[in-house]
Amino acid sequence: MTVAPDVLSTSLNAIKSSQARRRPTIMIINAEDGTPRISVPDCGELRVLDDRHLRVAIWPDDPVATDLDRGAPVLLIVADSPDVHLLHAEAHRLDNAAMVWTHYDLTITSSEIAGRGTGPQNQPADTAPADVHEEVLTDTRAFRWPRAYRPPRRTTQHT
């Protein structure tokens, strides 16, 4: 993936504004067994250094620190209405960090804005699977709602 300069600068601004507004930035790292490990750096634990680098402070005995030390890739998720920014990064541990925290520099490798919705995103018609059939519901009377989702019956009042 490549990093578009305008998307990257918007993503970095989203991190700065999310910290100012106390909205969390979510950091996801894969554990050694492949399961995702979620960390939410508190305000002041994640800083923007420049246009490609962030710094994060992690408690030394946190399992996230172990995963970062073994070179696990990092995904940062930043919600900045109306967009959700995805930043992919590589972590490098800083030696001789001050205080008791373990500090990591995060080098951004790619940045993108997440797609919206649950369906395929902007997929050309010729790449659709051949067995997909289009069905259009034209008469709602023919549709049988499941019991839990049935709309209320309409009643007509005679005067």
Protein backbone atom coordinates (compact mmCIF):
# COMPACT_ATOMS: atom_id res chain seq x y z
CA MET A 1 0.00 0.00 0.00
CA THR A 2 1.09 3.51 -0.64
CA VAL A 3 0.54 6.58 1.43
CA ALA A 4 -1.23 9.48 -0.26
CA PRO A 5 0.11 12.71 1.29
CA ASP A 6 -3.34 14.26 1.69
CA VAL A 7 -4.77 11.13 3.37
CA LEU A 8 -1.74 10.86 5.65
CA SER A 9 -1.86 14.49 6.78
CA THR A 10 -5.62 14.19 7.37
CA SER A 11 -5.02 11.01 9.40
CA LEU A 12 -2.34 12.67 11.54
CA ASN A 13 -4.63 15.64 12.14
CA ALA A 14 -7.35 13.17 13.16
CA ILE A 15 -5.00 11.72 15.81
CA LYS A 16 -4.22 15.18 17.15
CA SER A 17 -7.87 16.23 17.26
CA SER A 18 -8.99 12.92 18.79
CA GLN A 19 -6.57 13.45 21.67
CA ALA A 20 -7.78 17.01 22.17
CA ARG A 21 -11.39 15.84 22.18
CA ARG A 22 -10.59 12.81 24.36
CA ARG A 23 -11.67 10.31 21.70
CA PRO A 24 -9.62 7.13 21.76
CA THR A 25 -7.20 5.99 19.11
CA ILE A 26 -7.35 2.20 18.93
CA MET A 27 -4.14 0.27 18.39
CA ILE A 28 -4.37 -3.36 17.22
CA ILE A 29 -1.40 -5.73 17.24
CA ASN A 30 -1.46 -9.46 16.50
CA ALA A 31 -0.34 -11.63 19.40
CA GLU A 32 2.09 -14.46 18.75
CA ASP A 33 -0.79 -16.94 18.35
CA GLY A 34 -2.41 -14.67 15.74
CA THR A 35 -5.25 -13.31 17.86
CA PRO A 36 -5.67 -9.54 17.79
CA ARG A 37 -4.56 -7.64 20.87
CA ILE A 38 -6.23 -4.27 21.39
CA SER A 39 -4.63 -1.35 23.18
CA VAL A 40 -6.05 2.13 23.68
CA PRO A 41 -3.21 4.58 24.36
CA ASP A 42 -4.33 7.23 26.80
CA CYS A 43 -3.96 10.93 26.10
CA GLY A 44 -0.23 11.72 26.24
CA GLU A 45 0.84 8.13 25.54
CA LEU A 46 0.60 8.62 21.77
CA ARG A 47 2.26 11.59 20.07
CA VAL A 48 2.68 12.70 16.47
CA LEU A 49 6.39 13.39 15.87
CA ASP A 50 6.36 14.35 12.19
CA ASP A 51 4.63 13.50 8.93
CA ARG A 52 5.58 9.77 9.07
CA HIS A 53 6.34 9.02 12.72
CA LEU A 54 4.43 8.60 15.96
CA ARG A 55 5.65 7.71 19.44
CA VAL A 56 3.76 5.50 21.85
CA ALA A 57 4.50 4.72 25.50
CA ILE A 58 3.59 1.23 26.76
CA TRP A 59 3.88 -0.19 30.27
CA PRO A 60 6.92 -2.56 30.17
CA ASP A 61 5.10 -5.71 31.36
CA ASP A 62 2.10 -5.16 29.07
CA PRO A 63 1.75 -8.02 26.52
CA VAL A 64 1.55 -5.34 23.79
CA ALA A 65 5.19 -4.46 24.52
CA THR A 66 6.18 -8.11 23.99
CA ASP A 67 4.32 -8.18 20.67
CA LEU A 68 5.91 -4.91 19.52
CA ASP A 69 9.36 -6.21 20.49
CA ARG A 70 8.92 -9.25 18.22
CA GLY A 71 8.07 -6.95 15.28
CA ALA A 72 4.29 -7.34 15.04
CA PRO A 73 2.73 -4.84 12.63
CA VAL A 74 0.52 -2.13 14.13
CA LEU A 75 -2.88 -0.92 12.97
CA LEU A 76 -4.13 2.38 14.38
CA ILE A 77 -7.82 3.21 14.01
CA VAL A 78 -8.84 6.85 14.41
CA ALA A 79 -12.47 7.95 14.14
CA ASP A 80 -12.81 11.51 12.91
CA SER A 81 -16.36 12.09 11.76
CA PRO A 82 -17.38 11.38 9.07
CA ASP A 83 -14.27 9.28 8.30
CA VAL A 84 -12.44 6.44 9.99
CA HIS A 85 -8.68 6.52 9.37
CA LEU A 86 -6.56 3.36 9.23
CA LEU A 87 -2.82 3.77 9.76
CA HIS A 88 -0.51 0.79 9.31
CA ALA A 89 2.86 1.09 11.03
CA GLU A 90 6.01 -0.70 12.10
CA ALA A 91 7.28 -0.30 15.66
CA HIS A 92 10.88 0.24 16.76
CA ARG A 93 11.78 0.22 20.45
CA LEU A 94 13.71 3.21 21.77
CA ASP A 95 16.67 2.41 23.98
CA ASN A 96 17.24 4.36 27.22
CA ALA A 97 13.70 5.75 27.35
CA ALA A 98 12.97 8.08 30.23
CA MET A 99 10.73 7.05 33.12
CA VAL A 100 9.38 3.54 33.59
CA TRP A 101 7.51 3.38 30.26
CA THR A 102 8.76 1.49 27.22
CA HIS A 103 8.73 3.84 24.23
CA TYR A 104 8.29 2.87 20.59
CA ASP A 105 8.59 4.92 17.44
CA LEU A 106 5.91 3.97 14.94
CA THR A 107 6.81 4.45 11.28
CA ILE A 108 3.69 4.75 9.16
CA THR A 109 3.81 2.39 6.18
CA SER A 110 0.35 3.13 4.78
CA SER A 111 -2.68 5.27 5.47
CA GLU A 112 -6.21 4.99 4.17
CA ILE A 113 -9.77 5.95 4.93
CA ALA A 114 -11.91 2.93 5.77
CA GLY A 115 -14.74 1.96 3.46
CA ARG A 116 -18.28 2.40 4.73
CA GLY A 117 -21.01 -0.21 5.01
CA THR A 118 -20.94 -3.97 4.96
CA GLY A 119 -21.25 -4.66 1.23
CA PRO A 120 -18.60 -4.77 -1.49
CA GLN A 121 -16.98 -1.37 -1.98
CA ASN A 122 -17.02 0.01 -5.54
CA GLN A 123 -16.69 -3.40 -7.15
CA PRO A 124 -16.94 -3.32 -10.98
CA ALA A 125 -19.87 -5.31 -12.41
CA ASP A 126 -17.62 -7.66 -14.42
CA THR A 127 -15.91 -8.96 -11.25
CA ALA A 128 -19.17 -10.08 -9.59
CA PRO A 129 -19.47 -13.85 -9.07
CA ALA A 130 -21.39 -15.59 -11.87
CA ASP A 131 -23.89 -17.29 -9.52
CA VAL A 132 -25.23 -14.02 -8.06
CA HIS A 133 -28.86 -13.39 -9.04
CA GLU A 134 -30.56 -10.08 -8.57
CA GLU A 135 -33.86 -10.26 -6.74
CA VAL A 136 -36.16 -7.29 -6.46
CA LEU A 137 -39.02 -7.19 -3.99
CA THR A 138 -41.90 -5.51 -5.76
CA ASP A 139 -44.91 -6.57 -3.72
CA THR A 140 -44.49 -6.51 0.05
CA ARG A 141 -47.70 -8.55 0.51
CA ALA A 142 -45.88 -11.55 -0.95
CA PHE A 143 -43.06 -11.23 1.56
CA ARG A 144 -43.49 -13.21 4.79
CA TRP A 145 -41.83 -11.35 7.67
CA PRO A 146 -40.24 -13.48 10.42
CA ARG A 147 -42.41 -13.34 13.54
CA ALA A 148 -39.92 -11.23 15.51
CA TYR A 149 -39.71 -8.61 12.75
CA ARG A 150 -43.30 -8.38 11.54
CA PRO A 151 -44.50 -4.83 11.13
CA PRO A 152 -47.73 -3.93 12.90
CA ARG A 153 -50.90 -4.67 10.97
CA ARG A 154 -52.66 -1.78 9.39
CA THR A 155 -56.21 -1.29 10.50
CA THR A 156 -58.72 0.75 8.65
CA GLN A 157 -61.27 2.71 10.55
CA HIS A 158 -64.75 3.05 9.13
CA THR A 159 -66.64 6.23 9.83
